[in-house]
PDB file of N, CA and C in Angstrom:
ATOM      1  N   MET A   1      27.640  15.936   6.070  1.00  0.00           N
ATOM      2  CA  MET A   1      27.102  16.026   4.729  1.00  0.00           C
ATOM      3  C   MET A   1      26.377  17.363   4.577  1.00  0.00           C
ATOM      4  N   ILE A   2      26.605  18.026   3.476  1.00  0.00           N
ATOM      5  CA  ILE A   2      25.927  19.275   3.161  1.00  0.00           C
ATOM      6  C   ILE A   2      24.865  18.979   2.111  1.00  0.00           C
ATOM      7  N   LEU A   3      23.648  19.422   2.392  1.00  0.00           N
ATOM      8  CA  LEU A   3      22.546  19.224   1.463  1.00  0.00           C
ATOM      9  C   LEU A   3      22.236  20.549   0.784  1.00  0.00           C
ATOM     10  N   LEU A   4      22.390  20.586  -0.526  1.00  0.00           N
ATOM     11  CA  LEU A   4      22.108  21.799  -1.286  1.00  0.00           C
ATOM     12  C   LEU A   4      20.685  21.730  -1.819  1.00  0.00           C
ATOM     13  N   LEU A   5      19.901  22.759  -1.522  1.00  0.00           N
ATOM     14  CA  LEU A   5      18.521  22.829  -2.002  1.00  0.00           C
ATOM     15  C   LEU A   5      18.407  23.871  -3.093  1.00  0.00           C
ATOM     16  N   LEU A   6      17.733  23.521  -4.139  1.00  0.00           N
ATOM     17  CA  LEU A   6      17.473  24.436  -5.237  1.00  0.00           C
ATOM     18  C   LEU A   6      16.072  25.005  -5.043  1.00  0.00           C
ATOM     19  N   SER A   7      15.962  26.320  -4.800  1.00  0.00           N
ATOM     20  CA  SER A   7      14.650  26.960  -4.701  1.00  0.00           C
ATOM     21  C   SER A   7      14.161  27.192  -6.129  1.00  0.00           C
ATOM     22  N   ILE A   8      12.974  26.695  -6.426  1.00  0.00           N
ATOM     23  CA  ILE A   8      12.557  26.623  -7.821  1.00  0.00           C
ATOM     24  C   ILE A   8      11.051  26.872  -7.962  1.00  0.00           C
ATOM     25  N   ASN A   9      10.648  27.389  -9.121  1.00  0.00           N
ATOM     26  CA  ASN A   9       9.221  27.493  -9.444  1.00  0.00           C
ATOM     27  C   ASN A   9       8.722  26.107  -9.827  1.00  0.00           C
ATOM     28  N   ILE A  10       7.488  25.817  -9.492  1.00  0.00           N
ATOM     29  CA  ILE A  10       6.938  24.484  -9.749  1.00  0.00           C
ATOM     30  C   ILE A  10       6.943  24.143 -11.236  1.00  0.00           C
ATOM     31  N   SER A  11       6.679  25.098 -12.102  1.00  0.00           N
ATOM     32  CA  SER A  11       6.651  24.795 -13.545  1.00  0.00           C
ATOM     33  C   SER A  11       7.978  24.232 -14.030  1.00  0.00           C
ATOM     34  N   GLU A  12       9.061  24.642 -13.426  1.00  0.00           N
ATOM     35  CA  GLU A  12      10.397  24.155 -13.801  1.00  0.00           C
ATOM     36  C   GLU A  12      10.533  22.655 -13.528  1.00  0.00           C
ATOM     37  N   LEU A  13       9.806  22.153 -12.545  1.00  0.00           N
ATOM     38  CA  LEU A  13       9.897  20.739 -12.183  1.00  0.00           C
ATOM     39  C   LEU A  13       9.234  19.832 -13.205  1.00  0.00           C
ATOM     40  N   HIS A  14       8.407  20.386 -14.070  1.00  0.00           N
ATOM     41  CA  HIS A  14       7.702  19.586 -15.065  1.00  0.00           C
ATOM     42  C   HIS A  14       8.435  19.512 -16.402  1.00  0.00           C
ATOM     43  N   LYS A  15       9.642  20.046 -16.464  1.00  0.00           N
ATOM     44  CA  LYS A  15      10.440  19.938 -17.685  1.00  0.00           C
ATOM     45  C   LYS A  15      11.114  18.570 -17.707  1.00  0.00           C
ATOM     46  N   ASN A  16      10.947  17.861 -18.825  1.00  0.00           N
ATOM     47  CA  ASN A  16      11.503  16.511 -18.964  1.00  0.00           C
ATOM     48  C   ASN A  16      12.589  16.466 -20.020  1.00  0.00           C
ATOM     49  N   ASN A  17      13.463  15.460 -19.905  1.00  0.00           N
ATOM     50  CA  ASN A  17      14.462  15.242 -20.953  1.00  0.00           C
ATOM     51  C   ASN A  17      13.812  14.451 -22.091  1.00  0.00           C
ATOM     52  N   THR A  18      14.576  14.070 -23.088  1.00  0.00           N
ATOM     53  CA  THR A  18      14.009  13.384 -24.257  1.00  0.00           C
ATOM     54  C   THR A  18      13.479  11.996 -23.919  1.00  0.00           C
ATOM     55  N   ASP A  19      13.863  11.432 -22.771  1.00  0.00           N
ATOM     56  CA  ASP A  19      13.355  10.135 -22.331  1.00  0.00           C
ATOM     57  C   ASP A  19      12.120  10.260 -21.443  1.00  0.00           C
ATOM     58  N   GLY A  20      11.636  11.501 -21.237  1.00  0.00           N
ATOM     59  CA  GLY A  20      10.455  11.713 -20.410  1.00  0.00           C
ATOM     60  C   GLY A  20      10.747  11.740 -18.918  1.00  0.00           C
ATOM     61  N   ILE A  21      12.009  11.857 -18.558  1.00  0.00           N
ATOM     62  CA  ILE A  21      12.423  11.902 -17.154  1.00  0.00           C
ATOM     63  C   ILE A  21      12.612  13.370 -16.756  1.00  0.00           C
ATOM     64  N   PRO A  22      12.111  13.774 -15.580  1.00  0.00           N
ATOM     65  CA  PRO A  22      12.296  15.169 -15.156  1.00  0.00           C
ATOM     66  C   PRO A  22      13.781  15.558 -15.137  1.00  0.00           C
ATOM     67  N   VAL A  23      14.084  16.727 -15.678  1.00  0.00           N
ATOM     68  CA  VAL A  23      15.488  17.168 -15.704  1.00  0.00           C
ATOM     69  C   VAL A  23      16.030  17.400 -14.299  1.00  0.00           C
ATOM     70  N   HIS A  24      15.156  17.562 -13.320  1.00  0.00           N
ATOM     71  CA  HIS A  24      15.592  17.750 -11.931  1.00  0.00           C
ATOM     72  C   HIS A  24      15.431  16.481 -11.092  1.00  0.00           C
ATOM     73  N   MET A  25      15.287  15.326 -11.764  1.00  0.00           N
ATOM     74  CA  MET A  25      15.096  14.051 -11.071  1.00  0.00           C
ATOM     75  C   MET A  25      16.189  13.833 -10.020  1.00  0.00           C
ATOM     76  N   ASP A  26      15.768  13.432  -8.823  1.00  0.00           N
ATOM     77  CA  ASP A  26      16.644  13.119  -7.688  1.00  0.00           C
ATOM     78  C   ASP A  26      17.348  14.334  -7.087  1.00  0.00           C
ATOM     79  N   GLU A  27      17.046  15.540  -7.565  1.00  0.00           N
ATOM     80  CA  GLU A  27      17.593  16.747  -6.943  1.00  0.00           C
ATOM     81  C   GLU A  27      16.723  17.134  -5.755  1.00  0.00           C
ATOM     82  N   TYR A  28      17.345  17.728  -4.749  1.00  0.00           N
ATOM     83  CA  TYR A  28      16.598  18.244  -3.603  1.00  0.00           C
ATOM     84  C   TYR A  28      16.211  19.680  -3.895  1.00  0.00           C
ATOM     85  N   VAL A  29      14.921  19.972  -3.758  1.00  0.00           N
ATOM     86  CA  VAL A  29      14.404  21.285  -4.117  1.00  0.00           C
ATOM     87  C   VAL A  29      13.559  21.858  -2.988  1.00  0.00           C
ATOM     88  N   SER A  30      13.307  23.138  -3.109  1.00  0.00           N
ATOM     89  CA  SER A  30      12.411  23.861  -2.212  1.00  0.00           C
ATOM     90  C   SER A  30      11.403  24.590  -3.082  1.00  0.00           C
ATOM     91  N   VAL A  31      10.111  24.387  -2.792  1.00  0.00           N
ATOM     92  CA  VAL A  31       9.064  25.129  -3.492  1.00  0.00           C
ATOM     93  C   VAL A  31       8.143  25.763  -2.456  1.00  0.00           C
ATOM     94  N   THR A  32       7.584  26.898  -2.821  1.00  0.00           N
ATOM     95  CA  THR A  32       6.645  27.599  -1.954  1.00  0.00           C
ATOM     96  C   THR A  32       5.323  27.716  -2.688  1.00  0.00           C
ATOM     97  N   GLY A  33       4.230  27.440  -1.986  1.00  0.00           N
ATOM     98  CA  GLY A  33       2.928  27.532  -2.623  1.00  0.00           C
ATOM     99  C   GLY A  33       1.795  27.341  -1.631  1.00  0.00           C
ATOM    100  N   VAL A  34       0.615  27.119  -2.183  1.00  0.00           N
ATOM    101  CA  VAL A  34      -0.591  26.932  -1.383  1.00  0.00           C
ATOM    102  C   VAL A  34      -1.116  25.525  -1.640  1.00  0.00           C
ATOM    103  N   VAL A  35      -1.526  24.845  -0.577  1.00  0.00           N
ATOM    104  CA  VAL A  35      -2.122  23.518  -0.707  1.00  0.00           C
ATOM    105  C   VAL A  35      -3.522  23.690  -1.281  1.00  0.00           C
ATOM    106  N   THR A  36      -3.754  23.116  -2.468  1.00  0.00           N
ATOM    107  CA  THR A  36      -5.060  23.246  -3.115  1.00  0.00           C
ATOM    108  C   THR A  36      -5.875  21.961  -3.044  1.00  0.00           C
ATOM    109  N   ALA A  37      -5.236  20.853  -2.673  1.00  0.00           N
ATOM    110  CA  ALA A  37      -5.954  19.593  -2.490  1.00  0.00           C
ATOM    111  C   ALA A  37      -5.206  18.757  -1.469  1.00  0.00           C
ATOM    112  N   ASN A  38      -5.969  18.063  -0.638  1.00  0.00           N
ATOM    113  CA  ASN A  38      -5.390  17.200   0.380  1.00  0.00           C
ATOM    114  C   ASN A  38      -5.968  15.803   0.190  1.00  0.00           C
ATOM    115  N   PHE A  39      -5.088  14.845  -0.095  1.00  0.00           N
ATOM    116  CA  PHE A  39      -5.505  13.465  -0.322  1.00  0.00           C
ATOM    117  C   PHE A  39      -5.137  12.569   0.849  1.00  0.00           C
ATOM    118  N   SER A  40      -4.773  13.153   1.977  1.00  0.00           N
ATOM    119  CA  SER A  40      -4.362  12.397   3.161  1.00  0.00           C
ATOM    120  C   SER A  40      -5.609  11.913   3.897  1.00  0.00           C
ATOM    121  N   THR A  41      -6.279  10.926   3.343  1.00  0.00           N
ATOM    122  CA  THR A  41      -7.560  10.496   3.898  1.00  0.00           C
ATOM    123  C   THR A  41      -7.451   9.231   4.739  1.00  0.00           C
ATOM    124  N   ASN A  42      -6.251   8.723   4.919  1.00  0.00           N
ATOM    125  CA  ASN A  42      -6.081   7.529   5.727  1.00  0.00           C
ATOM    126  C   ASN A  42      -6.541   7.823   7.154  1.00  0.00           C
ATOM    127  N   ALA A  43      -7.388   6.995   7.704  1.00  0.00           N
ATOM    128  CA  ALA A  43      -7.942   7.225   9.038  1.00  0.00           C
ATOM    129  C   ALA A  43      -6.867   7.290  10.118  1.00  0.00           C
ATOM    130  N   THR A  44      -5.726   6.661   9.881  1.00  0.00           N
ATOM    131  CA  THR A  44      -4.656   6.682  10.884  1.00  0.00           C
ATOM    132  C   THR A  44      -3.653   7.809  10.620  1.00  0.00           C
ATOM    133  N   TYR A  45      -3.828   8.554   9.537  1.00  0.00           N
ATOM    134  CA  TYR A  45      -2.947   9.674   9.180  1.00  0.00           C
ATOM    135  C   TYR A  45      -1.476   9.274   9.208  1.00  0.00           C
ATOM    136  N   GLU A  46      -1.170   8.215   8.505  1.00  0.00           N
ATOM    137  CA  GLU A  46       0.205   7.718   8.466  1.00  0.00           C
ATOM    138  C   GLU A  46       1.054   8.397   7.400  1.00  0.00           C
ATOM    139  N   TYR A  47       0.468   9.179   6.534  1.00  0.00           N
ATOM    140  CA  TYR A  47       1.211   9.810   5.444  1.00  0.00           C
ATOM    141  C   TYR A  47       0.580  11.144   5.084  1.00  0.00           C
ATOM    142  N   THR A  48       1.302  11.907   4.281  1.00  0.00           N
ATOM    143  CA  THR A  48       0.800  13.177   3.759  1.00  0.00           C
ATOM    144  C   THR A  48       0.820  13.098   2.242  1.00  0.00           C
ATOM    145  N   LYS A  49      -0.318  13.376   1.618  1.00  0.00           N
ATOM    146  CA  LYS A  49      -0.423  13.460   0.160  1.00  0.00           C
ATOM    147  C   LYS A  49      -1.208  14.731  -0.137  1.00  0.00           C
ATOM    148  N   VAL A  50      -0.536  15.718  -0.738  1.00  0.00           N
ATOM    149  CA  VAL A  50      -1.188  16.990  -1.045  1.00  0.00           C
ATOM    150  C   VAL A  50      -0.758  17.473  -2.427  1.00  0.00           C
ATOM    151  N   PHE A  51      -1.529  18.405  -2.961  1.00  0.00           N
ATOM    152  CA  PHE A  51      -1.195  19.079  -4.211  1.00  0.00           C
ATOM    153  C   PHE A  51      -0.909  20.531  -3.856  1.00  0.00           C
ATOM    154  N   VAL A  52       0.269  21.012  -4.252  1.00  0.00           N
ATOM    155  CA  VAL A  52       0.707  22.371  -3.926  1.00  0.00           C
ATOM    156  C   VAL A  52       0.856  23.162  -5.217  1.00  0.00           C
ATOM    157  N   GLN A  53       0.335  24.401  -5.217  1.00  0.00           N
ATOM    158  CA  GLN A  53       0.419  25.256  -6.404  1.00  0.00           C
ATOM    159  C   GLN A  53       1.097  26.575  -6.074  1.00  0.00           C
ATOM    160  N   ASP A  54       1.908  27.057  -7.035  1.00  0.00           N
ATOM    161  CA  ASP A  54       2.399  28.430  -6.988  1.00  0.00           C
ATOM    162  C   ASP A  54       1.851  29.136  -8.222  1.00  0.00           C
ATOM    163  N   GLU A  55       2.352  30.330  -8.530  1.00  0.00           N
ATOM    164  CA  GLU A  55       1.815  31.077  -9.671  1.00  0.00           C
ATOM    165  C   GLU A  55       2.189  30.469 -11.020  1.00  0.00           C
ATOM    166  N   THR A  56       3.076  29.438 -11.019  1.00  0.00           N
ATOM    167  CA  THR A  56       3.526  28.847 -12.281  1.00  0.00           C
ATOM    168  C   THR A  56       2.969  27.460 -12.550  1.00  0.00           C
ATOM    169  N   GLY A  57       2.407  26.806 -11.540  1.00  0.00           N
ATOM    170  CA  GLY A  57       1.901  25.452 -11.738  1.00  0.00           C
ATOM    171  C   GLY A  57       1.661  24.742 -10.424  1.00  0.00           C
ATOM    172  N   GLY A  58       1.459  23.430 -10.515  1.00  0.00           N
ATOM    173  CA  GLY A  58       1.185  22.638  -9.329  1.00  0.00           C
ATOM    174  C   GLY A  58       1.989  21.356  -9.334  1.00  0.00           C
ATOM    175  N   ILE A  59       2.159  20.762  -8.136  1.00  0.00           N
ATOM    176  CA  ILE A  59       2.930  19.527  -7.998  1.00  0.00           C
ATOM    177  C   ILE A  59       2.350  18.681  -6.881  1.00  0.00           C
ATOM    178  N   TYR A  60       2.399  17.385  -7.076  1.00  0.00           N
ATOM    179  CA  TYR A  60       1.958  16.427  -6.076  1.00  0.00           C
ATOM    180  C   TYR A  60       3.093  16.237  -5.073  1.00  0.00           C
ATOM    181  N   VAL A  61       2.758  16.261  -3.779  1.00  0.00           N
ATOM    182  CA  VAL A  61       3.747  16.106  -2.713  1.00  0.00           C
ATOM    183  C   VAL A  61       3.348  14.917  -1.858  1.00  0.00           C
ATOM    184  N   TYR A  62       4.289  14.004  -1.669  1.00  0.00           N
ATOM    185  CA  TYR A  62       4.040  12.824  -0.850  1.00  0.00           C
ATOM    186  C   TYR A  62       5.087  12.728   0.248  1.00  0.00           C
ATOM    187  N   SER A  63       4.662  12.388   1.451  1.00  0.00           N
ATOM    188  CA  SER A  63       5.568  12.123   2.559  1.00  0.00           C
ATOM    189  C   SER A  63       5.045  10.897   3.300  1.00  0.00           C
ATOM    190  N   PRO A  64       5.931   9.963   3.667  1.00  0.00           N
ATOM    191  CA  PRO A  64       5.474   8.771   4.376  1.00  0.00           C
ATOM    192  C   PRO A  64       5.080   9.032   5.831  1.00  0.00           C
ATOM    193  N   SER A  65       5.176  10.278   6.266  1.00  0.00           N
ATOM    194  CA  SER A  65       4.721  10.617   7.620  1.00  0.00           C
ATOM    195  C   SER A  65       3.683  11.738   7.538  1.00  0.00           C
ATOM    196  N   TYR A  66       2.881  11.861   8.571  1.00  0.00           N
ATOM    197  CA  TYR A  66       1.804  12.851   8.571  1.00  0.00           C
ATOM    198  C   TYR A  66       2.324  14.188   9.091  1.00  0.00           C
ATOM    199  N   HIS A  67       2.013  15.274   8.369  1.00  0.00           N
ATOM    200  CA  HIS A  67       2.510  16.604   8.729  1.00  0.00           C
ATOM    201  C   HIS A  67       1.405  17.595   9.083  1.00  0.00           C
ATOM    202  N   GLY A  68       0.150  17.192   9.063  1.00  0.00           N
ATOM    203  CA  GLY A  68      -0.940  18.078   9.448  1.00  0.00           C
ATOM    204  C   GLY A  68      -1.173  19.239   8.506  1.00  0.00           C
ATOM    205  N   ILE A  69      -0.830  19.070   7.239  1.00  0.00           N
ATOM    206  CA  ILE A  69      -1.034  20.116   6.241  1.00  0.00           C
ATOM    207  C   ILE A  69      -2.486  20.075   5.780  1.00  0.00           C
ATOM    208  N   ASN A  70      -3.086  21.236   5.654  1.00  0.00           N
ATOM    209  CA  ASN A  70      -4.488  21.316   5.246  1.00  0.00           C
ATOM    210  C   ASN A  70      -4.652  22.171   3.998  1.00  0.00           C
ATOM    211  N   ARG A  71      -5.748  21.962   3.299  1.00  0.00           N
ATOM    212  CA  ARG A  71      -6.080  22.765   2.121  1.00  0.00           C
ATOM    213  C   ARG A  71      -6.126  24.242   2.514  1.00  0.00           C
ATOM    214  N   GLY A  72      -5.499  25.090   1.705  1.00  0.00           N
ATOM    215  CA  GLY A  72      -5.459  26.518   1.979  1.00  0.00           C
ATOM    216  C   GLY A  72      -4.199  26.966   2.710  1.00  0.00           C
ATOM    217  N   ASP A  73      -3.427  26.025   3.249  1.00  0.00           N
ATOM    218  CA  ASP A  73      -2.187  26.380   3.953  1.00  0.00           C
ATOM    219  C   ASP A  73      -1.136  26.870   2.972  1.00  0.00           C
ATOM    220  N   SER A  74      -0.422  27.924   3.338  1.00  0.00           N
ATOM    221  CA  SER A  74       0.767  28.346   2.597  1.00  0.00           C
ATOM    222  C   SER A  74       1.933  27.550   3.154  1.00  0.00           C
ATOM    223  N   VAL A  75       2.670  26.908   2.258  1.00  0.00           N
ATOM    224  CA  VAL A  75       3.732  26.004   2.699  1.00  0.00           C
ATOM    225  C   VAL A  75       5.016  26.219   1.916  1.00  0.00           C
ATOM    226  N   ARG A  76       6.112  25.831   2.519  1.00  0.00           N
ATOM    227  CA  ARG A  76       7.385  25.692   1.814  1.00  0.00           C
ATOM    228  C   ARG A  76       7.745  24.224   1.946  1.00  0.00           C
ATOM    229  N   ILE A  77       7.882  23.569   0.815  1.00  0.00           N
ATOM    230  CA  ILE A  77       8.155  22.140   0.771  1.00  0.00           C
ATOM    231  C   ILE A  77       9.617  21.930   0.405  1.00  0.00           C
ATOM    232  N   TYR A  78      10.281  21.063   1.141  1.00  0.00           N
ATOM    233  CA  TYR A  78      11.651  20.656   0.854  1.00  0.00           C
ATOM    234  C   TYR A  78      11.628  19.167   0.570  1.00  0.00           C
ATOM    235  N   GLY A  79      12.238  18.765  -0.522  1.00  0.00           N
ATOM    236  CA  GLY A  79      12.263  17.333  -0.801  1.00  0.00           C
ATOM    237  C   GLY A  79      12.957  17.004  -2.095  1.00  0.00           C
ATOM    238  N   ARG A  80      12.960  15.708  -2.414  1.00  0.00           N
ATOM    239  CA  ARG A  80      13.639  15.194  -3.603  1.00  0.00           C
ATOM    240  C   ARG A  80      12.621  15.001  -4.719  1.00  0.00           C
ATOM    241  N   VAL A  81      12.976  15.443  -5.912  1.00  0.00           N
ATOM    242  CA  VAL A  81      12.121  15.272  -7.086  1.00  0.00           C
ATOM    243  C   VAL A  81      12.164  13.808  -7.511  1.00  0.00           C
ATOM    244  N   SER A  82      10.977  13.231  -7.703  1.00  0.00           N
ATOM    245  CA  SER A  82      10.901  11.851  -8.167  1.00  0.00           C
ATOM    246  C   SER A  82       9.755  11.738  -9.172  1.00  0.00           C
ATOM    247  N   GLN A  83       9.572  10.531  -9.659  1.00  0.00           N
ATOM    248  CA  GLN A  83       8.490  10.300 -10.599  1.00  0.00           C
ATOM    249  C   GLN A  83       7.825   8.979 -10.232  1.00  0.00           C
ATOM    250  N   TRP A  84       6.494   8.965 -10.189  1.00  0.00           N
ATOM    251  CA  TRP A  84       5.732   7.767  -9.852  1.00  0.00           C
ATOM    252  C   TRP A  84       4.659   7.587 -10.910  1.00  0.00           C
ATOM    253  N   LYS A  85       4.729   6.486 -11.614  1.00  0.00           N
ATOM    254  CA  LYS A  85       3.773   6.190 -12.685  1.00  0.00           C
ATOM    255  C   LYS A  85       3.654   7.330 -13.679  1.00  0.00           C
ATOM    256  N   GLY A  86       4.792   7.956 -14.012  1.00  0.00           N
ATOM    257  CA  GLY A  86       4.831   9.038 -14.987  1.00  0.00           C
ATOM    258  C   GLY A  86       4.479  10.404 -14.446  1.00  0.00           C
ATOM    259  N   ILE A  87       4.185  10.500 -13.140  1.00  0.00           N
ATOM    260  CA  ILE A  87       3.815  11.774 -12.539  1.00  0.00           C
ATOM    261  C   ILE A  87       4.995  12.312 -11.738  1.00  0.00           C
ATOM    262  N   THR A  88       5.401  13.540 -12.022  1.00  0.00           N
ATOM    263  CA  THR A  88       6.476  14.165 -11.266  1.00  0.00           C
ATOM    264  C   THR A  88       5.944  14.568  -9.901  1.00  0.00           C
ATOM    265  N   GLU A  89       6.714  14.290  -8.856  1.00  0.00           N
ATOM    266  CA  GLU A  89       6.318  14.613  -7.499  1.00  0.00           C
ATOM    267  C   GLU A  89       7.530  14.958  -6.653  1.00  0.00           C
ATOM    268  N   ILE A  90       7.247  15.523  -5.502  1.00  0.00           N
ATOM    269  CA  ILE A  90       8.299  15.766  -4.509  1.00  0.00           C
ATOM    270  C   ILE A  90       8.002  14.830  -3.341  1.00  0.00           C
TER     271      ILE A  90
END
């Protein structure tokens, strides 16, 4: 299987169709930015929840495994665009 990644600015991920669904929903993307908030506060560090920003905007990133990402880290995130409770995330 070949996985095609779309390298994209974060602001592009917040564009929705007329039904309020991200136009890039379920696409695999790559974004580069800086971690500006880390919500991975679980004492067992079972997951990663961070907010990543580039010069165009910010996006919430969730992973069911812990990756040791910290606030201030420059990162390249690879993942699938999804939506949770109306919030676009990777």
